[in-house]
Amino acid sequence: MGELENQKQVISNQIYDELKAGILELRFPPGSSLSDRMISQQAGVSRTPVREALKRLAQEGWIVWQERKRAMVKPLVMEDVREIFFLREMIEPSAVAAVFEMGESRHLAGRLSLVSDSMKQSMDQPVVFMKEDMVFHSTIIRFLGNKRLEEIWNKIADESTRIALYALYEKRKPQDVVQEHEEFVEALWSRDLPLSLERLRRHHKGIFYAYEEKFRMDSERCGTV
């Protein structure tokens, strides 16, 4: 690949990263339009790297787009939540159980305590807080050092972040989320696997119910139920 092609790829990657961050952080809300012409003008580049970035986002399921047509950020529906939580409720408890089998629950608790402290400091910053929340859960997965699992988890974590910012922050008090995390960490410190799994399950349940309530209210407001 020549220097010019390398430069084009770098530009396309930068645009991709910025657009994806905007989607996850709801700067581009679900259902909003993305104009390749406008993006290229704002970035001061040609449309080619912009379209490459849009193509990649479409392939990954973040937008709905056909070349020469307007791109739209993929809407969020309750079915997305169900599918994501189906996966999370399989993966996270299994990861916790594996940590206990390794005899490393207290080591993991130490790492999670640091993330919990960061969450406390960002409770008045929704985007930062929800990102830290996902760092907390991702730390459990990455603790295992299973690269294939991490690749699967990364997509789940990104989608969970977008859904959380859309539906969770306004429905659950940050203090309650932090408390649930701390109670989970306490169970890890105690080396109590059943209690750890119960507290994780309770945390998942509270989040899921908050999502359900948010989507139900949105549906009623739109007159779709």
Protein backbone atom coordinates (compact mmCIF):
# COMPACT_ATOMS: atom_id res chain seq x y z
CA MET A 1 0.00 0.00 0.00
CA GLY A 2 1.44 3.37 -1.07
CA GLU A 3 1.81 6.46 1.09
CA LEU A 4 -1.28 8.09 -0.44
CA GLU A 5 -3.39 5.01 0.25
CA ASN A 6 -2.07 4.89 3.81
CA GLN A 7 -3.09 8.51 4.33
CA LYS A 8 -6.57 7.80 2.99
CA GLN A 9 -6.91 4.82 5.34
CA VAL A 10 -5.78 6.91 8.31
CA ILE A 11 -8.36 9.58 7.48
CA SER A 12 -11.10 6.98 7.02
CA ASN A 13 -10.20 5.39 10.38
CA GLN A 14 -10.31 8.76 12.11
CA ILE A 15 -13.74 9.54 10.67
CA TYR A 16 -14.96 6.06 11.61
CA ASP A 17 -13.75 6.51 15.20
CA GLU A 18 -15.40 9.92 15.51
CA LEU A 19 -18.71 8.79 14.00
CA LYS A 20 -18.82 5.65 16.13
CA ALA A 21 -18.09 7.66 19.28
CA GLY A 22 -20.88 10.04 18.31
CA ILE A 23 -23.29 7.13 17.88
CA LEU A 24 -22.34 5.51 21.19
CA GLU A 25 -22.53 8.80 23.09
CA LEU A 26 -25.86 9.75 21.42
CA ARG A 27 -24.42 12.85 19.76
CA PHE A 28 -25.95 11.08 16.77
CA PRO A 29 -29.19 9.77 18.33
CA PRO A 30 -30.96 6.60 17.14
CA GLY A 31 -32.82 7.32 13.92
CA SER A 32 -30.84 10.44 13.06
CA SER A 33 -29.40 11.02 9.59
CA LEU A 34 -25.75 11.18 8.60
CA SER A 35 -24.91 13.04 5.40
CA ASP A 36 -21.64 12.02 3.75
CA ARG A 37 -21.52 15.43 2.05
CA MET A 38 -21.91 17.31 5.32
CA ILE A 39 -19.42 15.09 7.15
CA SER A 40 -16.84 15.53 4.40
CA GLN A 41 -17.31 19.31 4.45
CA GLN A 42 -16.95 19.51 8.22
CA ALA A 43 -13.87 17.27 8.19
CA GLY A 44 -12.35 19.04 5.20
CA VAL A 45 -11.86 15.82 3.25
CA SER A 46 -13.29 14.19 0.15
CA ARG A 47 -16.32 11.96 0.34
CA THR A 48 -14.32 8.80 -0.37
CA PRO A 49 -12.89 8.25 3.15
CA VAL A 50 -16.24 9.27 4.62
CA ARG A 51 -18.03 6.65 2.57
CA GLU A 52 -15.48 4.05 3.57
CA ALA A 53 -16.16 4.88 7.21
CA LEU A 54 -19.92 4.72 6.65
CA LYS A 55 -19.56 1.38 4.88
CA ARG A 56 -17.68 -0.03 7.86
CA LEU A 57 -20.28 1.29 10.30
CA ALA A 58 -23.04 -0.26 8.19
CA GLN A 59 -21.26 -3.62 8.11
CA GLU A 60 -20.98 -3.54 11.90
CA GLY A 61 -24.67 -2.74 12.30
CA TRP A 62 -24.39 0.80 13.68
CA ILE A 63 -26.09 2.50 10.73
CA VAL A 64 -28.47 1.66 7.91
CA TRP A 65 -26.95 2.89 4.65
CA GLN A 66 -26.78 2.29 0.95
CA GLU A 67 -24.26 4.19 -1.12
CA ARG A 68 -25.64 7.40 -2.67
CA LYS A 69 -28.44 7.38 -0.10
CA ARG A 70 -28.68 9.07 3.27
CA ALA A 71 -27.29 7.09 6.17
CA MET A 72 -29.38 6.62 9.30
CA VAL A 73 -28.20 5.67 12.77
CA LYS A 74 -29.80 2.34 13.60
CA PRO A 75 -32.84 2.85 15.86
CA LEU A 76 -32.96 1.19 19.27
CA VAL A 77 -35.77 -1.19 20.11
CA MET A 78 -36.50 -3.38 23.11
CA GLU A 79 -35.52 -6.47 21.16
CA ASP A 80 -31.96 -5.10 21.07
CA VAL A 81 -31.99 -4.97 24.87
CA ARG A 82 -33.29 -8.53 25.17
CA GLU A 83 -30.63 -9.88 22.83
CA ILE A 84 -27.80 -8.00 24.53
CA PHE A 85 -28.88 -9.10 27.99
CA PHE A 86 -29.32 -12.68 26.87
CA LEU A 87 -25.64 -12.61 25.98
CA ARG A 88 -24.53 -10.70 29.06
CA GLU A 89 -26.37 -13.06 31.40
CA MET A 90 -24.56 -15.98 29.81
CA ILE A 91 -21.09 -14.46 29.66
CA GLU A 92 -20.64 -12.42 32.85
CA PRO A 93 -21.65 -15.09 35.41
CA SER A 94 -19.50 -17.65 33.59
CA ALA A 95 -16.56 -15.25 33.72
CA VAL A 96 -17.07 -14.69 37.46
CA ALA A 97 -17.21 -18.43 38.08
CA ALA A 98 -13.98 -18.86 36.11
CA VAL A 99 -12.27 -16.20 38.23
CA PHE A 100 -13.24 -18.14 41.37
CA GLU A 101 -11.88 -21.34 39.85
CA MET A 102 -8.60 -19.49 39.35
CA GLY A 103 -8.65 -18.48 43.01
CA GLU A 104 -8.37 -14.83 41.96
CA SER A 105 -11.61 -13.29 43.24
CA ARG A 106 -9.81 -10.86 45.55
CA HIS A 107 -7.41 -9.83 42.81
CA LEU A 108 -10.40 -9.00 40.60
CA ALA A 109 -12.09 -7.21 43.52
CA GLY A 110 -9.08 -4.93 43.84
CA ARG A 111 -9.25 -3.94 40.18
CA LEU A 112 -12.99 -3.38 40.30
CA SER A 113 -12.69 -1.21 43.41
CA LEU A 114 -10.59 1.25 41.42
CA VAL A 115 -13.23 1.46 38.70
CA SER A 116 -15.98 1.90 41.27
CA ASP A 117 -14.05 4.84 42.73
CA SER A 118 -13.88 6.41 39.27
CA MET A 119 -17.63 5.96 38.88
CA LYS A 120 -18.24 7.83 42.13
CA GLN A 121 -16.28 10.78 40.81
CA SER A 122 -18.31 10.97 37.60
CA MET A 123 -21.87 10.55 38.87
CA ASP A 124 -22.85 14.00 37.53
CA GLN A 125 -21.43 13.26 34.06
CA PRO A 126 -23.74 10.76 32.31
CA VAL A 127 -21.46 9.88 29.40
CA VAL A 128 -18.38 9.42 31.56
CA PHE A 129 -20.33 7.55 34.23
CA MET A 130 -21.88 5.05 31.84
CA LYS A 131 -18.54 4.47 30.13
CA GLU A 132 -16.97 3.74 33.50
CA ASP A 133 -19.87 1.40 34.27
CA MET A 134 -19.01 -0.60 31.18
CA VAL A 135 -15.30 -0.52 32.09
CA PHE A 136 -16.34 -2.18 35.35
CA HIS A 137 -18.09 -5.04 33.57
CA SER A 138 -15.42 -5.30 30.87
CA THR A 139 -12.76 -5.66 33.57
CA ILE A 140 -14.44 -8.90 34.65
CA ILE A 141 -14.20 -10.30 31.13
CA ARG A 142 -10.67 -9.08 30.39
CA PHE A 143 -9.39 -10.45 33.69
CA LEU A 144 -9.57 -13.92 32.15
CA GLY A 145 -7.15 -13.04 29.35
CA ASN A 146 -9.28 -14.86 26.75
CA LYS A 147 -8.74 -12.86 23.55
CA ARG A 148 -11.52 -14.55 21.57
CA LEU A 149 -13.98 -13.82 24.37
CA GLU A 150 -12.80 -10.21 24.49
CA GLU A 151 -13.48 -9.80 20.76
CA ILE A 152 -17.04 -11.01 21.27
CA TRP A 153 -17.47 -8.89 24.39
CA ASN A 154 -16.25 -5.64 22.79
CA LYS A 155 -19.30 -5.43 20.51
CA ILE A 156 -21.62 -6.26 23.40
CA ALA A 157 -19.96 -3.58 25.53
CA ASP A 158 -20.32 -0.93 22.82
CA GLU A 159 -24.00 -1.71 22.29
CA SER A 160 -24.59 -1.81 26.05
CA THR A 161 -23.03 1.65 26.40
CA ARG A 162 -25.29 3.17 23.75
CA ILE A 163 -28.40 1.56 25.20
CA ALA A 164 -27.41 2.61 28.72
CA LEU A 165 -26.96 6.25 27.75
CA TYR A 166 -30.28 6.18 25.94
CA ALA A 167 -32.35 4.39 28.54
CA LEU A 168 -30.61 3.88 31.85
CA TYR A 169 -29.09 7.04 33.30
CA GLU A 170 -32.39 8.86 33.67
CA LYS A 171 -34.14 5.77 35.08
CA ARG A 172 -31.67 4.71 37.75
CA LYS A 173 -29.82 6.82 40.28
CA PRO A 174 -26.06 6.66 39.80
CA GLN A 175 -25.70 6.14 43.55
CA ASP A 176 -27.77 2.96 43.30
CA VAL A 177 -25.66 1.62 40.44
CA VAL A 178 -22.45 2.30 42.37
CA GLN A 179 -23.87 0.64 45.48
CA GLU A 180 -24.77 -2.50 43.53
CA HIS A 181 -21.26 -2.63 42.13
CA GLU A 182 -19.74 -2.21 45.58
CA GLU A 183 -21.91 -4.99 46.99
CA PHE A 184 -20.73 -7.26 44.18
CA VAL A 185 -17.12 -6.36 44.94
CA GLU A 186 -17.69 -7.12 48.64
CA ALA A 187 -18.86 -10.60 47.72
CA LEU A 188 -15.68 -11.09 45.69
CA TRP A 189 -13.59 -9.98 48.66
CA SER A 190 -15.46 -12.52 50.79
CA ARG A 191 -14.68 -15.26 48.26
CA ASP A 192 -18.37 -16.11 48.17
CA LEU A 193 -19.26 -17.33 44.68
CA PRO A 194 -23.02 -17.87 45.22
CA LEU A 195 -23.36 -14.39 46.75
CA SER A 196 -21.30 -12.84 43.95
CA LEU A 197 -23.51 -14.43 41.30
CA GLU A 198 -26.68 -13.41 43.14
CA ARG A 199 -25.57 -9.79 43.38
CA LEU A 200 -24.56 -9.75 39.74
CA ARG A 201 -27.91 -11.25 38.77
CA ARG A 202 -29.76 -8.66 40.86
CA HIS A 203 -27.77 -5.87 39.21
CA HIS A 204 -28.60 -7.21 35.75
CA LYS A 205 -32.27 -7.50 36.70
CA GLY A 206 -32.44 -3.89 37.90
CA ILE A 207 -30.83 -2.61 34.72
CA PHE A 208 -33.12 -4.66 32.50
CA TYR A 209 -36.25 -3.42 34.26
CA ALA A 210 -35.08 0.16 33.86
CA TYR A 211 -34.62 -0.43 30.15
CA GLU A 212 -38.07 -1.96 29.86
CA GLU A 213 -39.64 1.04 31.57
CA LYS A 214 -37.84 3.51 29.32
CA PHE A 215 -38.83 1.73 26.11
CA ARG A 216 -42.40 1.27 27.35
CA MET A 217 -42.72 4.99 28.02
CA ASP A 218 -41.26 5.82 24.60
CA SER A 219 -43.73 3.47 22.93
CA GLU A 220 -46.66 5.03 24.76
CA ARG A 221 -45.47 8.53 23.88
CA CYS A 222 -45.28 7.53 20.21
CA GLY A 223 -48.68 5.82 20.40
CA THR A 224 -47.30 2.44 19.34
CA VAL A 225 -48.82 0.45 22.22
